[in-house]
Amino acid sequence: METTVHKKSLIYSLQENKEKVKKQTRLLVVFTVAITAFLLAFAFTNITQWYALAIIFFSGYVLYLCYKIISLWQRHKKIKEKLKTL
């Protein structure tokens, strides 16, 4: 009884984690496209301090999203391993 409840909880966590990964991946794609468009729009102008700050801000957010996706996939793998042992 206890293992079935634990197994159902892990399966629910997997499904919830999968949705989070999909959402973060969509956000990453959107921001990557936005960054690319932003850089192309200002590629022919002089680099100003505002331009450099914008690049740093957007790049930092993209790196944060990549980190979130990697950590969610690691959690996903751990839960799958636990399910195999039950």
PDB file of N, CA and C in Angstrom:
ATOM      1  N   MET A   1       0.832  -1.194   0.000  1.00  0.00           N
ATOM      2  CA  MET A   1       0.000   0.000   0.000  1.00  0.00           C
ATOM      3  C   MET A   1       0.874   1.254   0.000  1.00  0.00           C
ATOM      4  N   GLU A   2       1.862   1.248   0.895  1.00  0.00           N
ATOM      5  CA  GLU A   2       2.715   2.423   1.016  1.00  0.00           C
ATOM      6  C   GLU A   2       3.551   2.638  -0.244  1.00  0.00           C
ATOM      7  N   THR A   3       4.025   1.554  -0.839  1.00  0.00           N
ATOM      8  CA  THR A   3       4.836   1.696  -2.057  1.00  0.00           C
ATOM      9  C   THR A   3       4.001   2.168  -3.235  1.00  0.00           C
ATOM     10  N   THR A   4       2.736   1.767  -3.306  1.00  0.00           N
ATOM     11  CA  THR A   4       1.895   2.234  -4.414  1.00  0.00           C
ATOM     12  C   THR A   4       1.607   3.724  -4.286  1.00  0.00           C
ATOM     13  N   VAL A   5       1.401   4.185  -3.063  1.00  0.00           N
ATOM     14  CA  VAL A   5       1.180   5.618  -2.847  1.00  0.00           C
ATOM     15  C   VAL A   5       2.442   6.388  -3.216  1.00  0.00           C
ATOM     16  N   HIS A   6       3.588   5.858  -2.801  1.00  0.00           N
ATOM     17  CA  HIS A   6       4.861   6.505  -3.123  1.00  0.00           C
ATOM     18  C   HIS A   6       5.094   6.508  -4.634  1.00  0.00           C
ATOM     19  N   LYS A   7       4.761   5.406  -5.279  1.00  0.00           N
ATOM     20  CA  LYS A   7       4.934   5.305  -6.728  1.00  0.00           C
ATOM     21  C   LYS A   7       4.026   6.295  -7.455  1.00  0.00           C
ATOM     22  N   LYS A   8       2.777   6.409  -7.014  1.00  0.00           N
ATOM     23  CA  LYS A   8       1.855   7.371  -7.629  1.00  0.00           C
ATOM     24  C   LYS A   8       2.350   8.800  -7.423  1.00  0.00           C
ATOM     25  N   SER A   9       2.904   9.066  -6.254  1.00  0.00           N
ATOM     26  CA  SER A   9       3.450  10.390  -5.977  1.00  0.00           C
ATOM     27  C   SER A   9       4.620  10.700  -6.910  1.00  0.00           C
ATOM     28  N   LEU A  10       5.477   9.723  -7.134  1.00  0.00           N
ATOM     29  CA  LEU A  10       6.607   9.921  -8.041  1.00  0.00           C
ATOM     30  C   LEU A  10       6.146  10.118  -9.477  1.00  0.00           C
ATOM     31  N   ILE A  11       5.139   9.378  -9.892  1.00  0.00           N
ATOM     32  CA  ILE A  11       4.603   9.532 -11.248  1.00  0.00           C
ATOM     33  C   ILE A  11       3.999  10.919 -11.415  1.00  0.00           C
ATOM     34  N   TYR A  12       3.282  11.381 -10.414  1.00  0.00           N
ATOM     35  CA  TYR A  12       2.717  12.731 -10.463  1.00  0.00           C
ATOM     36  C   TYR A  12       3.831  13.775 -10.546  1.00  0.00           C
ATOM     37  N   SER A  13       4.893  13.574  -9.760  1.00  0.00           N
ATOM     38  CA  SER A  13       6.028  14.502  -9.798  1.00  0.00           C
ATOM     39  C   SER A  13       6.679  14.513 -11.172  1.00  0.00           C
ATOM     40  N   LEU A  14       6.765  13.351 -11.803  1.00  0.00           N
ATOM     41  CA  LEU A  14       7.330  13.279 -13.152  1.00  0.00           C
ATOM     42  C   LEU A  14       6.498  14.071 -14.145  1.00  0.00           C
ATOM     43  N   GLN A  15       5.192  13.919 -14.066  1.00  0.00           N
ATOM     44  CA  GLN A  15       4.315  14.643 -14.989  1.00  0.00           C
ATOM     45  C   GLN A  15       4.404  16.149 -14.758  1.00  0.00           C
ATOM     46  N   GLU A  16       4.435  16.549 -13.497  1.00  0.00           N
ATOM     47  CA  GLU A  16       4.542  17.969 -13.169  1.00  0.00           C
ATOM     48  C   GLU A  16       5.888  18.525 -13.642  1.00  0.00           C
ATOM     49  N   ASN A  17       6.939  17.753 -13.448  1.00  0.00           N
ATOM     50  CA  ASN A  17       8.274  18.162 -13.867  1.00  0.00           C
ATOM     51  C   ASN A  17       8.341  18.290 -15.392  1.00  0.00           C
ATOM     52  N   LYS A  18       7.684  17.397 -16.095  1.00  0.00           N
ATOM     53  CA  LYS A  18       7.676  17.430 -17.558  1.00  0.00           C
ATOM     54  C   LYS A  18       7.037  18.719 -18.063  1.00  0.00           C
ATOM     55  N   GLU A  19       5.958  19.140 -17.423  1.00  0.00           N
ATOM     56  CA  GLU A  19       5.296  20.388 -17.805  1.00  0.00           C
ATOM     57  C   GLU A  19       6.200  21.594 -17.546  1.00  0.00           C
ATOM     58  N   LYS A  20       6.912  21.574 -16.427  1.00  0.00           N
ATOM     59  CA  LYS A  20       7.826  22.674 -16.123  1.00  0.00           C
ATOM     60  C   LYS A  20       8.939  22.755 -17.164  1.00  0.00           C
ATOM     61  N   VAL A  21       9.460  21.600 -17.566  1.00  0.00           N
ATOM     62  CA  VAL A  21      10.529  21.578 -18.570  1.00  0.00           C
ATOM     63  C   VAL A  21      10.018  22.121 -19.893  1.00  0.00           C
ATOM     64  N   LYS A  22       8.817  21.739 -20.286  1.00  0.00           N
ATOM     65  CA  LYS A  22       8.241  22.259 -21.531  1.00  0.00           C
ATOM     66  C   LYS A  22       8.109  23.773 -21.476  1.00  0.00           C
ATOM     67  N   LYS A  23       7.623  24.282 -20.352  1.00  0.00           N
ATOM     68  CA  LYS A  23       7.431  25.727 -20.206  1.00  0.00           C
ATOM     69  C   LYS A  23       8.773  26.458 -20.262  1.00  0.00           C
ATOM     70  N   GLN A  24       9.771  25.948 -19.537  1.00  0.00           N
ATOM     71  CA  GLN A  24      11.083  26.586 -19.526  1.00  0.00           C
ATOM     72  C   GLN A  24      11.748  26.515 -20.901  1.00  0.00           C
ATOM     73  N   THR A  25      11.535  25.417 -21.619  1.00  0.00           N
ATOM     74  CA  THR A  25      12.103  25.295 -22.959  1.00  0.00           C
ATOM     75  C   THR A  25      11.464  26.302 -23.900  1.00  0.00           C
ATOM     76  N   ARG A  26      10.175  26.472 -23.810  1.00  0.00           N
ATOM     77  CA  ARG A  26       9.498  27.479 -24.642  1.00  0.00           C
ATOM     78  C   ARG A  26      10.025  28.877 -24.333  1.00  0.00           C
ATOM     79  N   LEU A  27      10.174  29.186 -23.044  1.00  0.00           N
ATOM     80  CA  LEU A  27      10.713  30.489 -22.660  1.00  0.00           C
ATOM     81  C   LEU A  27      12.133  30.681 -23.192  1.00  0.00           C
ATOM     82  N   LEU A  28      12.929  29.623 -23.126  1.00  0.00           N
ATOM     83  CA  LEU A  28      14.298  29.710 -23.620  1.00  0.00           C
ATOM     84  C   LEU A  28      14.327  29.992 -25.112  1.00  0.00           C
ATOM     85  N   VAL A  29      13.480  29.325 -25.862  1.00  0.00           N
ATOM     86  CA  VAL A  29      13.424  29.549 -27.308  1.00  0.00           C
ATOM     87  C   VAL A  29      12.973  30.972 -27.606  1.00  0.00           C
ATOM     88  N   VAL A  30      11.955  31.446 -26.915  1.00  0.00           N
ATOM     89  CA  VAL A  30      11.454  32.805 -27.144  1.00  0.00           C
ATOM     90  C   VAL A  30      12.537  33.835 -26.839  1.00  0.00           C
ATOM     91  N   PHE A  31      13.209  33.684 -25.709  1.00  0.00           N
ATOM     92  CA  PHE A  31      14.242  34.651 -25.359  1.00  0.00           C
ATOM     93  C   PHE A  31      15.458  34.548 -26.277  1.00  0.00           C
ATOM     94  N   THR A  32      15.773  33.351 -26.745  1.00  0.00           N
ATOM     95  CA  THR A  32      16.878  33.213 -27.688  1.00  0.00           C
ATOM     96  C   THR A  32      16.561  33.937 -28.984  1.00  0.00           C
ATOM     97  N   VAL A  33      15.350  33.783 -29.471  1.00  0.00           N
ATOM     98  CA  VAL A  33      14.941  34.498 -30.683  1.00  0.00           C
ATOM     99  C   VAL A  33      14.941  36.003 -30.438  1.00  0.00           C
ATOM    100  N   ALA A  34      14.450  36.420 -29.277  1.00  0.00           N
ATOM    101  CA  ALA A  34      14.431  37.850 -28.957  1.00  0.00           C
ATOM    102  C   ALA A  34      15.844  38.420 -28.876  1.00  0.00           C
ATOM    103  N   ILE A  35      16.741  37.679 -28.262  1.00  0.00           N
ATOM    104  CA  ILE A  35      18.128  38.140 -28.161  1.00  0.00           C
ATOM    105  C   ILE A  35      18.759  38.244 -29.539  1.00  0.00           C
ATOM    106  N   THR A  36      18.534  37.248 -30.356  1.00  0.00           N
ATOM    107  CA  THR A  36      19.093  37.269 -31.703  1.00  0.00           C
ATOM    108  C   THR A  36      18.551  38.452 -32.492  1.00  0.00           C
ATOM    109  N   ALA A  37      17.262  38.681 -32.415  1.00  0.00           N
ATOM    110  CA  ALA A  37      16.666  39.817 -33.124  1.00  0.00           C
ATOM    111  C   ALA A  37      17.215  41.137 -32.582  1.00  0.00           C
ATOM    112  N   PHE A  38      17.354  41.216 -31.271  1.00  0.00           N
ATOM    113  CA  PHE A  38      17.890  42.422 -30.643  1.00  0.00           C
ATOM    114  C   PHE A  38      19.319  42.694 -31.102  1.00  0.00           C
ATOM    115  N   LEU A  39      20.143  41.660 -31.112  1.00  0.00           N
ATOM    116  CA  LEU A  39      21.534  41.838 -31.529  1.00  0.00           C
ATOM    117  C   LEU A  39      21.639  42.196 -33.005  1.00  0.00           C
ATOM    118  N   LEU A  40      20.786  41.599 -33.825  1.00  0.00           N
ATOM    119  CA  LEU A  40      20.804  41.936 -35.252  1.00  0.00           C
ATOM    120  C   LEU A  40      20.332  43.360 -35.498  1.00  0.00           C
ATOM    121  N   ALA A  41      19.359  43.809 -34.733  1.00  0.00           N
ATOM    122  CA  ALA A  41      18.835  45.164 -34.918  1.00  0.00           C
ATOM    123  C   ALA A  41      19.890  46.226 -34.616  1.00  0.00           C
ATOM    124  N   PHE A  42      20.734  45.954 -33.648  1.00  0.00           N
ATOM    125  CA  PHE A  42      21.754  46.927 -33.264  1.00  0.00           C
ATOM    126  C   PHE A  42      23.155  46.551 -33.737  1.00  0.00           C
ATOM    127  N   ALA A  43      23.252  45.577 -34.616  1.00  0.00           N
ATOM    128  CA  ALA A  43      24.564  45.118 -35.075  1.00  0.00           C
ATOM    129  C   ALA A  43      25.299  46.186 -35.868  1.00  0.00           C
ATOM    130  N   PHE A  44      24.549  47.037 -36.550  1.00  0.00           N
ATOM    131  CA  PHE A  44      25.180  48.032 -37.406  1.00  0.00           C
ATOM    132  C   PHE A  44      25.375  49.379 -36.720  1.00  0.00           C
ATOM    133  N   THR A  45      25.038  49.452 -35.447  1.00  0.00           N
ATOM    134  CA  THR A  45      25.231  50.705 -34.711  1.00  0.00           C
ATOM    135  C   THR A  45      26.426  50.562 -33.779  1.00  0.00           C
ATOM    136  N   ASN A  46      26.837  51.666 -33.222  1.00  0.00           N
ATOM    137  CA  ASN A  46      27.946  51.633 -32.262  1.00  0.00           C
ATOM    138  C   ASN A  46      27.472  51.016 -30.958  1.00  0.00           C
ATOM    139  N   ILE A  47      28.368  50.288 -30.329  1.00  0.00           N
ATOM    140  CA  ILE A  47      28.034  49.676 -29.039  1.00  0.00           C
ATOM    141  C   ILE A  47      28.095  50.764 -27.969  1.00  0.00           C
ATOM    142  N   THR A  48      26.983  50.947 -27.284  1.00  0.00           N
ATOM    143  CA  THR A  48      26.919  51.927 -26.202  1.00  0.00           C
ATOM    144  C   THR A  48      26.839  51.192 -24.872  1.00  0.00           C
ATOM    145  N   GLN A  49      26.866  51.945 -23.798  1.00  0.00           N
ATOM    146  CA  GLN A  49      26.779  51.324 -22.480  1.00  0.00           C
ATOM    147  C   GLN A  49      25.412  50.661 -22.294  1.00  0.00           C
ATOM    148  N   TRP A  50      24.361  51.281 -22.785  1.00  0.00           N
ATOM    149  CA  TRP A  50      23.020  50.698 -22.678  1.00  0.00           C
ATOM    150  C   TRP A  50      22.953  49.379 -23.430  1.00  0.00           C
ATOM    151  N   TYR A  51      23.555  49.358 -24.609  1.00  0.00           N
ATOM    152  CA  TYR A  51      23.584  48.147 -25.434  1.00  0.00           C
ATOM    153  C   TYR A  51      24.304  47.020 -24.698  1.00  0.00           C
ATOM    154  N   ALA A  52      25.436  47.329 -24.100  1.00  0.00           N
ATOM    155  CA  ALA A  52      26.190  46.318 -23.368  1.00  0.00           C
ATOM    156  C   ALA A  52      25.391  45.804 -22.172  1.00  0.00           C
ATOM    157  N   LEU A  53      24.713  46.687 -21.440  1.00  0.00           N
ATOM    158  CA  LEU A  53      23.905  46.256 -20.295  1.00  0.00           C
ATOM    159  C   LEU A  53      22.743  45.370 -20.736  1.00  0.00           C
ATOM    160  N   ALA A  54      22.125  45.717 -21.855  1.00  0.00           N
ATOM    161  CA  ALA A  54      21.019  44.896 -22.363  1.00  0.00           C
ATOM    162  C   ALA A  54      21.514  43.509 -22.755  1.00  0.00           C
ATOM    163  N   ILE A  55      22.668  43.438 -23.397  1.00  0.00           N
ATOM    164  CA  ILE A  55      23.226  42.138 -23.778  1.00  0.00           C
ATOM    165  C   ILE A  55      23.518  41.305 -22.534  1.00  0.00           C
ATOM    166  N   ILE A  56      24.107  41.923 -21.522  1.00  0.00           N
ATOM    167  CA  ILE A  56      24.420  41.202 -20.283  1.00  0.00           C
ATOM    168  C   ILE A  56      23.143  40.716 -19.601  1.00  0.00           C
ATOM    169  N   PHE A  57      22.122  41.556 -19.536  1.00  0.00           N
ATOM    170  CA  PHE A  57      20.859  41.177 -18.894  1.00  0.00           C
ATOM    171  C   PHE A  57      20.199  39.996 -19.612  1.00  0.00           C
ATOM    172  N   PHE A  58      20.037  40.093 -20.913  1.00  0.00           N
ATOM    173  CA  PHE A  58      19.386  39.022 -21.665  1.00  0.00           C
ATOM    174  C   PHE A  58      20.208  37.735 -21.648  1.00  0.00           C
ATOM    175  N   SER A  59      21.502  37.847 -21.786  1.00  0.00           N
ATOM    176  CA  SER A  59      22.354  36.656 -21.755  1.00  0.00           C
ATOM    177  C   SER A  59      22.296  35.984 -20.388  1.00  0.00           C
ATOM    178  N   GLY A  60      22.274  36.777 -19.335  1.00  0.00           N
ATOM    179  CA  GLY A  60      22.162  36.212 -17.994  1.00  0.00           C
ATOM    180  C   GLY A  60      20.858  35.467 -17.795  1.00  0.00           C
ATOM    181  N   TYR A  61      19.772  36.016 -18.324  1.00  0.00           N
ATOM    182  CA  TYR A  61      18.485  35.340 -18.181  1.00  0.00           C
ATOM    183  C   TYR A  61      18.449  34.042 -18.984  1.00  0.00           C
ATOM    184  N   VAL A  62      19.062  34.039 -20.164  1.00  0.00           N
ATOM    185  CA  VAL A  62      19.132  32.817 -20.968  1.00  0.00           C
ATOM    186  C   VAL A  62      19.947  31.756 -20.237  1.00  0.00           C
ATOM    187  N   LEU A  63      21.057  32.142 -19.637  1.00  0.00           N
ATOM    188  CA  LEU A  63      21.852  31.188 -18.867  1.00  0.00           C
ATOM    189  C   LEU A  63      21.065  30.653 -17.672  1.00  0.00           C
ATOM    190  N   TYR A  64      20.283  31.503 -17.023  1.00  0.00           N
ATOM    191  CA  TYR A  64      19.445  31.062 -15.904  1.00  0.00           C
ATOM    192  C   TYR A  64      18.410  30.037 -16.376  1.00  0.00           C
ATOM    193  N   LEU A  65      17.779  30.293 -17.512  1.00  0.00           N
ATOM    194  CA  LEU A  65      16.801  29.344 -18.046  1.00  0.00           C
ATOM    195  C   LEU A  65      17.461  28.015 -18.402  1.00  0.00           C
ATOM    196  N   CYS A  66      18.652  28.067 -18.962  1.00  0.00           N
ATOM    197  CA  CYS A  66      19.373  26.829 -19.270  1.00  0.00           C
ATOM    198  C   CYS A  66      19.663  26.040 -17.994  1.00  0.00           C
ATOM    199  N   TYR A  67      20.070  26.741 -16.949  1.00  0.00           N
ATOM    200  CA  TYR A  67      20.327  26.088 -15.668  1.00  0.00           C
ATOM    201  C   TYR A  67      19.063  25.429 -15.124  1.00  0.00           C
ATOM    202  N   LYS A  68      17.931  26.129 -15.207  1.00  0.00           N
ATOM    203  CA  LYS A  68      16.665  25.572 -14.724  1.00  0.00           C
ATOM    204  C   LYS A  68      16.294  24.308 -15.494  1.00  0.00           C
ATOM    205  N   ILE A  69      16.472  24.331 -16.810  1.00  0.00           N
ATOM    206  CA  ILE A  69      16.139  23.167 -17.626  1.00  0.00           C
ATOM    207  C   ILE A  69      17.026  21.985 -17.255  1.00  0.00           C
ATOM    208  N   ILE A  70      18.314  22.225 -17.095  1.00  0.00           N
ATOM    209  CA  ILE A  70      19.235  21.143 -16.736  1.00  0.00           C
ATOM    210  C   ILE A  70      18.882  20.566 -15.372  1.00  0.00           C
ATOM    211  N   SER A  71      18.580  21.416 -14.401  1.00  0.00           N
ATOM    212  CA  SER A  71      18.241  20.914 -13.067  1.00  0.00           C
ATOM    213  C   SER A  71      16.924  20.143 -13.077  1.00  0.00           C
ATOM    214  N   LEU A  72      15.958  20.576 -13.877  1.00  0.00           N
ATOM    215  CA  LEU A  72      14.694  19.840 -13.966  1.00  0.00           C
ATOM    216  C   LEU A  72      14.897  18.476 -14.616  1.00  0.00           C
ATOM    217  N   TRP A  73      15.740  18.398 -15.625  1.00  0.00           N
ATOM    218  CA  TRP A  73      16.006  17.104 -16.251  1.00  0.00           C
ATOM    219  C   TRP A  73      16.752  16.173 -15.303  1.00  0.00           C
ATOM    220  N   GLN A  74      17.662  16.704 -14.491  1.00  0.00           N
ATOM    221  CA  GLN A  74      18.349  15.872 -13.506  1.00  0.00           C
ATOM    222  C   GLN A  74      17.366  15.327 -12.481  1.00  0.00           C
ATOM    223  N   ARG A  75      16.443  16.153 -12.032  1.00  0.00           N
ATOM    224  CA  ARG A  75      15.415  15.702 -11.095  1.00  0.00           C
ATOM    225  C   ARG A  75      14.537  14.638 -11.753  1.00  0.00           C
ATOM    226  N   HIS A  76      14.222  14.838 -13.021  1.00  0.00           N
ATOM    227  CA  HIS A  76      13.417  13.882 -13.786  1.00  0.00           C
ATOM    228  C   HIS A  76      14.113  12.520 -13.827  1.00  0.00           C
ATOM    229  N   LYS A  77      15.414  12.517 -14.077  1.00  0.00           N
ATOM    230  CA  LYS A  77      16.169  11.258 -14.132  1.00  0.00           C
ATOM    231  C   LYS A  77      16.187  10.567 -12.775  1.00  0.00           C
ATOM    232  N   LYS A  78      16.352  11.334 -11.698  1.00  0.00           N
ATOM    233  CA  LYS A  78      16.380  10.749 -10.360  1.00  0.00           C
ATOM    234  C   LYS A  78      15.044  10.099 -10.019  1.00  0.00           C
ATOM    235  N   ILE A  79      13.955  10.755 -10.366  1.00  0.00           N
ATOM    236  CA  ILE A  79      12.631  10.203 -10.072  1.00  0.00           C
ATOM    237  C   ILE A  79      12.406   8.932 -10.884  1.00  0.00           C
ATOM    238  N   LYS A  80      12.840   8.923 -12.149  1.00  0.00           N
ATOM    239  CA  LYS A  80      12.689   7.715 -12.963  1.00  0.00           C
ATOM    240  C   LYS A  80      13.480   6.556 -12.375  1.00  0.00           C
ATOM    241  N   GLU A  81      14.663   6.826 -11.860  1.00  0.00           N
ATOM    242  CA  GLU A  81      15.470   5.780 -11.236  1.00  0.00           C
ATOM    243  C   GLU A  81      14.772   5.230  -9.990  1.00  0.00           C
ATOM    244  N   LYS A  82      14.161   6.109  -9.208  1.00  0.00           N
ATOM    245  CA  LYS A  82      13.426   5.656  -8.022  1.00  0.00           C
ATOM    246  C   LYS A  82      12.246   4.785  -8.419  1.00  0.00           C
ATOM    247  N   LEU A  83      11.575   5.158  -9.514  1.00  0.00           N
ATOM    248  CA  LEU A  83      10.437   4.362  -9.970  1.00  0.00           C
ATOM    249  C   LEU A  83      10.875   2.973 -10.409  1.00  0.00           C
ATOM    250  N   LYS A  84      12.045   2.864 -10.990  1.00  0.00           N
ATOM    251  CA  LYS A  84      12.539   1.554 -11.424  1.00  0.00           C
ATOM    252  C   LYS A  84      12.814   0.644 -10.239  1.00  0.00           C
ATOM    253  N   THR A  85      13.254   1.222  -9.133  1.00  0.00           N
ATOM    254  CA  THR A  85      13.588   0.400  -7.969  1.00  0.00           C
ATOM    255  C   THR A  85      12.356  -0.019  -7.178  1.00  0.00           C
ATOM    256  N   LEU A  86      11.240   0.668  -7.355  1.00  0.00           N
ATOM    257  CA  LEU A  86      10.023   0.296  -6.606  1.00  0.00           C
ATOM    258  C   LEU A  86       9.326  -0.884  -7.227  1.00  0.00           C
TER     259      LEU A  86
END
